[in-house]
Amino acid sequence: MDTSSVKAEGMMDPKSTIRNFIKMELAGGAGAPDIGDQDSLIEAGVIDSLGIQKLLAFLESQFSIKLRDEDIVPENFDTVENITRLVHAKA
């Protein structure tokens, strides 16, 4: 799914959608500090193994993609930028 089709459906762009999910569901909600595109989510303790499972389910559902075992490596989930790149590659 490309960015234009996401916007055409009235949704936020993928990067904003991913960042919002991480902030609200994994980083503590509305009171959590902003998450930059290049901030390490793993080093900051925002994403752990359970968080990756929640994120996987969200990404597959939200963007209608299927992630394979070989996609589930720390590098793909360390930053919002890397997660967005993964979504684009699978769309």
N, C-alpha and C. Protein backbone atom coordinates (compact mmCIF):
# COMPACT_ATOMS: atom_id res chain seq x y z
N MET A 1 0.86 -1.17 0.00
CA MET A 1 0.00 0.00 0.00
C MET A 1 0.90 1.22 0.00
N ASP A 2 0.68 2.11 -0.96
CA ASP A 2 1.52 3.29 -0.96
C ASP A 2 0.87 4.41 -0.16
N THR A 3 1.64 5.45 0.10
CA THR A 3 1.18 6.54 0.94
C THR A 3 -0.06 7.21 0.37
N SER A 4 -0.13 7.35 -0.95
CA SER A 4 -1.28 8.03 -1.55
C SER A 4 -2.57 7.27 -1.31
N SER A 5 -2.53 5.93 -1.36
CA SER A 5 -3.76 5.19 -1.12
C SER A 5 -4.18 5.28 0.34
N VAL A 6 -3.21 5.37 1.26
CA VAL A 6 -3.56 5.54 2.67
C VAL A 6 -4.22 6.89 2.86
N LYS A 7 -3.65 7.95 2.29
CA LYS A 7 -4.23 9.28 2.43
C LYS A 7 -5.59 9.36 1.74
N ALA A 8 -5.74 8.67 0.61
CA ALA A 8 -7.00 8.69 -0.11
C ALA A 8 -8.13 8.09 0.72
N GLU A 9 -7.79 7.18 1.60
CA GLU A 9 -8.79 6.56 2.47
C GLU A 9 -9.07 7.40 3.70
N GLY A 10 -8.46 8.58 3.78
CA GLY A 10 -8.73 9.48 4.89
C GLY A 10 -7.94 9.18 6.15
N MET A 11 -6.89 8.39 6.04
CA MET A 11 -6.08 8.04 7.19
C MET A 11 -4.83 8.91 7.22
N MET A 12 -4.19 8.95 8.37
CA MET A 12 -2.90 9.64 8.47
C MET A 12 -1.88 8.90 7.61
N ASP A 13 -0.80 9.59 7.29
CA ASP A 13 0.25 8.90 6.55
C ASP A 13 0.80 7.77 7.43
N PRO A 14 1.40 6.75 6.80
CA PRO A 14 1.86 5.59 7.57
C PRO A 14 2.79 5.95 8.73
N LYS A 15 3.73 6.86 8.51
CA LYS A 15 4.69 7.20 9.56
C LYS A 15 3.97 7.79 10.77
N SER A 16 3.02 8.69 10.54
CA SER A 16 2.26 9.28 11.65
C SER A 16 1.39 8.25 12.35
N THR A 17 0.80 7.36 11.57
CA THR A 17 -0.04 6.30 12.13
C THR A 17 0.80 5.39 13.03
N ILE A 18 1.98 5.01 12.56
CA ILE A 18 2.88 4.14 13.34
C ILE A 18 3.35 4.86 14.60
N ARG A 19 3.78 6.11 14.45
CA ARG A 19 4.25 6.88 15.60
C ARG A 19 3.15 7.02 16.64
N ASN A 20 1.93 7.32 16.21
CA ASN A 20 0.80 7.49 17.13
C ASN A 20 0.51 6.18 17.86
N PHE A 21 0.51 5.05 17.15
CA PHE A 21 0.27 3.76 17.81
C PHE A 21 1.34 3.49 18.87
N ILE A 22 2.60 3.71 18.52
CA ILE A 22 3.68 3.45 19.47
C ILE A 22 3.52 4.33 20.70
N LYS A 23 3.23 5.61 20.47
CA LYS A 23 3.09 6.53 21.60
C LYS A 23 1.92 6.13 22.49
N MET A 24 0.78 5.84 21.90
CA MET A 24 -0.43 5.58 22.68
C MET A 24 -0.46 4.17 23.29
N GLU A 25 0.07 3.19 22.58
CA GLU A 25 -0.06 1.80 23.03
C GLU A 25 1.19 1.21 23.68
N LEU A 26 2.35 1.75 23.35
CA LEU A 26 3.58 1.15 23.85
C LEU A 26 4.41 2.08 24.74
N ALA A 27 4.25 3.39 24.56
CA ALA A 27 5.12 4.33 25.27
C ALA A 27 4.44 5.04 26.42
N GLY A 28 3.22 4.68 26.75
CA GLY A 28 2.59 5.27 27.92
C GLY A 28 1.46 6.24 27.65
N GLY A 29 1.06 6.42 26.41
CA GLY A 29 -0.11 7.24 26.12
C GLY A 29 0.20 8.69 25.85
N ALA A 30 -0.85 9.50 25.97
CA ALA A 30 -0.78 10.91 25.59
C ALA A 30 0.28 11.69 26.36
N GLY A 31 0.59 11.29 27.57
CA GLY A 31 1.58 11.99 28.37
C GLY A 31 3.02 11.63 28.04
N ALA A 32 3.21 10.65 27.17
CA ALA A 32 4.56 10.21 26.81
C ALA A 32 5.25 11.28 25.96
N PRO A 33 6.56 11.37 26.07
CA PRO A 33 7.28 12.34 25.24
C PRO A 33 7.15 12.00 23.76
N ASP A 34 7.33 13.01 22.92
CA ASP A 34 7.27 12.77 21.48
C ASP A 34 8.37 11.79 21.06
N ILE A 35 8.07 11.03 20.03
CA ILE A 35 9.00 10.05 19.50
C ILE A 35 9.46 10.54 18.13
N GLY A 36 10.77 10.73 17.99
CA GLY A 36 11.33 11.16 16.71
C GLY A 36 11.49 9.99 15.77
N ASP A 37 11.56 10.28 14.48
CA ASP A 37 11.67 9.25 13.46
C ASP A 37 12.91 8.38 13.62
N GLN A 38 13.99 8.96 14.14
CA GLN A 38 15.25 8.24 14.27
C GLN A 38 15.58 7.81 15.70
N ASP A 39 14.69 8.07 16.64
CA ASP A 39 14.92 7.67 18.04
C ASP A 39 14.90 6.15 18.15
N SER A 40 15.87 5.60 18.88
CA SER A 40 15.91 4.15 19.08
C SER A 40 14.84 3.75 20.08
N LEU A 41 13.85 3.04 19.60
CA LEU A 41 12.76 2.58 20.46
C LEU A 41 13.22 1.46 21.40
N ILE A 42 14.18 0.68 20.94
CA ILE A 42 14.70 -0.41 21.75
C ILE A 42 15.55 0.14 22.89
N GLU A 43 16.49 1.03 22.57
CA GLU A 43 17.35 1.61 23.60
C GLU A 43 16.55 2.40 24.63
N ALA A 44 15.48 3.07 24.18
CA ALA A 44 14.65 3.87 25.08
C ALA A 44 13.72 3.00 25.93
N GLY A 45 13.66 1.69 25.63
CA GLY A 45 12.79 0.80 26.38
C GLY A 45 11.33 0.91 26.00
N VAL A 46 11.06 1.52 24.86
CA VAL A 46 9.67 1.67 24.39
C VAL A 46 9.15 0.35 23.84
N ILE A 47 10.02 -0.37 23.14
CA ILE A 47 9.62 -1.63 22.52
C ILE A 47 10.43 -2.77 23.13
N ASP A 48 9.71 -3.79 23.58
CA ASP A 48 10.33 -5.03 24.04
C ASP A 48 9.68 -6.16 23.23
N SER A 49 9.90 -7.40 23.62
CA SER A 49 9.37 -8.51 22.83
C SER A 49 7.84 -8.50 22.78
N LEU A 50 7.18 -8.16 23.88
CA LEU A 50 5.72 -8.08 23.87
C LEU A 50 5.26 -6.91 23.00
N GLY A 51 5.98 -5.80 23.08
CA GLY A 51 5.65 -4.64 22.26
C GLY A 51 5.78 -4.93 20.79
N ILE A 52 6.79 -5.70 20.41
CA ILE A 52 6.94 -6.07 19.01
C ILE A 52 5.77 -6.91 18.55
N GLN A 53 5.29 -7.82 19.38
CA GLN A 53 4.13 -8.64 19.02
C GLN A 53 2.88 -7.77 18.82
N LYS A 54 2.67 -6.80 19.70
CA LYS A 54 1.54 -5.88 19.55
C LYS A 54 1.68 -5.07 18.28
N LEU A 55 2.91 -4.60 18.04
CA LEU A 55 3.16 -3.80 16.85
C LEU A 55 2.97 -4.61 15.57
N LEU A 56 3.41 -5.86 15.57
CA LEU A 56 3.22 -6.73 14.41
C LEU A 56 1.74 -6.88 14.08
N ALA A 57 0.94 -7.17 15.09
CA ALA A 57 -0.50 -7.33 14.88
C ALA A 57 -1.11 -6.04 14.33
N PHE A 58 -0.71 -4.90 14.89
CA PHE A 58 -1.20 -3.61 14.42
C PHE A 58 -0.82 -3.37 12.97
N LEU A 59 0.45 -3.56 12.64
CA LEU A 59 0.92 -3.29 11.28
C LEU A 59 0.21 -4.16 10.25
N GLU A 60 0.08 -5.45 10.56
CA GLU A 60 -0.58 -6.36 9.62
C GLU A 60 -2.04 -5.99 9.42
N SER A 61 -2.70 -5.61 10.49
CA SER A 61 -4.10 -5.22 10.41
C SER A 61 -4.28 -3.86 9.74
N GLN A 62 -3.55 -2.88 10.20
CA GLN A 62 -3.71 -1.50 9.73
C GLN A 62 -3.33 -1.33 8.27
N PHE A 63 -2.27 -2.00 7.83
CA PHE A 63 -1.75 -1.77 6.49
C PHE A 63 -1.96 -2.95 5.55
N SER A 64 -2.70 -3.96 6.01
CA SER A 64 -3.00 -5.14 5.20
C SER A 64 -1.74 -5.76 4.59
N ILE A 65 -0.75 -5.97 5.46
CA ILE A 65 0.49 -6.60 5.02
C ILE A 65 0.69 -7.88 5.80
N LYS A 66 1.58 -8.72 5.32
CA LYS A 66 1.93 -9.95 6.02
C LYS A 66 3.44 -9.94 6.26
N LEU A 67 3.82 -9.97 7.52
CA LEU A 67 5.23 -9.99 7.88
C LEU A 67 5.67 -11.42 8.11
N ARG A 68 6.84 -11.75 7.59
CA ARG A 68 7.37 -13.10 7.72
C ARG A 68 8.39 -13.14 8.86
N ASP A 69 8.73 -14.34 9.29
CA ASP A 69 9.68 -14.50 10.39
C ASP A 69 10.99 -13.75 10.13
N GLU A 70 11.47 -13.79 8.89
CA GLU A 70 12.74 -13.14 8.59
C GLU A 70 12.66 -11.61 8.64
N ASP A 71 11.44 -11.06 8.65
CA ASP A 71 11.25 -9.61 8.79
C ASP A 71 11.37 -9.16 10.24
N ILE A 72 11.24 -10.10 11.15
CA ILE A 72 11.18 -9.76 12.58
C ILE A 72 12.58 -9.79 13.18
N VAL A 73 13.31 -8.72 12.87
CA VAL A 73 14.66 -8.53 13.38
C VAL A 73 14.71 -7.15 14.05
N PRO A 74 15.55 -6.99 15.06
CA PRO A 74 15.58 -5.72 15.79
C PRO A 74 15.75 -4.49 14.90
N GLU A 75 16.56 -4.58 13.86
CA GLU A 75 16.79 -3.43 12.99
C GLU A 75 15.50 -2.89 12.38
N ASN A 76 14.57 -3.77 12.06
CA ASN A 76 13.31 -3.33 11.44
C ASN A 76 12.38 -2.62 12.40
N PHE A 77 12.61 -2.76 13.70
CA PHE A 77 11.70 -2.21 14.70
C PHE A 77 12.36 -1.21 15.64
N ASP A 78 13.59 -0.79 15.32
CA ASP A 78 14.32 0.08 16.22
C ASP A 78 13.88 1.54 16.14
N THR A 79 13.44 2.00 14.98
CA THR A 79 13.01 3.39 14.83
C THR A 79 11.71 3.45 14.05
N VAL A 80 11.01 4.55 14.19
CA VAL A 80 9.78 4.77 13.41
C VAL A 80 10.12 4.74 11.92
N GLU A 81 11.25 5.32 11.55
CA GLU A 81 11.69 5.33 10.15
C GLU A 81 11.87 3.91 9.62
N ASN A 82 12.52 3.05 10.39
CA ASN A 82 12.73 1.66 9.95
C ASN A 82 11.42 0.89 9.85
N ILE A 83 10.51 1.11 10.78
CA ILE A 83 9.21 0.44 10.74
C ILE A 83 8.44 0.90 9.50
N THR A 84 8.48 2.19 9.23
CA THR A 84 7.79 2.73 8.05
C THR A 84 8.38 2.14 6.78
N ARG A 85 9.69 2.05 6.72
CA ARG A 85 10.36 1.47 5.55
C ARG A 85 9.91 0.02 5.36
N LEU A 86 9.80 -0.72 6.43
CA LEU A 86 9.36 -2.11 6.38
C LEU A 86 7.92 -2.19 5.84
N VAL A 87 7.06 -1.34 6.33
CA VAL A 87 5.66 -1.33 5.86
C VAL A 87 5.62 -1.05 4.36
N HIS A 88 6.37 -0.06 3.91
CA HIS A 88 6.40 0.26 2.48
C HIS A 88 6.93 -0.91 1.66
N ALA A 89 7.93 -1.61 2.16
CA ALA A 89 8.51 -2.73 1.43
C ALA A 89 7.53 -3.90 1.32
N LYS A 90 6.64 -4.04 2.30
CA LYS A 90 5.69 -5.16 2.31
C LYS A 90 4.36 -4.83 1.62
N ALA A 91 4.15 -3.56 1.33
CA ALA A 91 2.87 -3.14 0.72
C ALA A 91 2.80 -3.51 -0.74
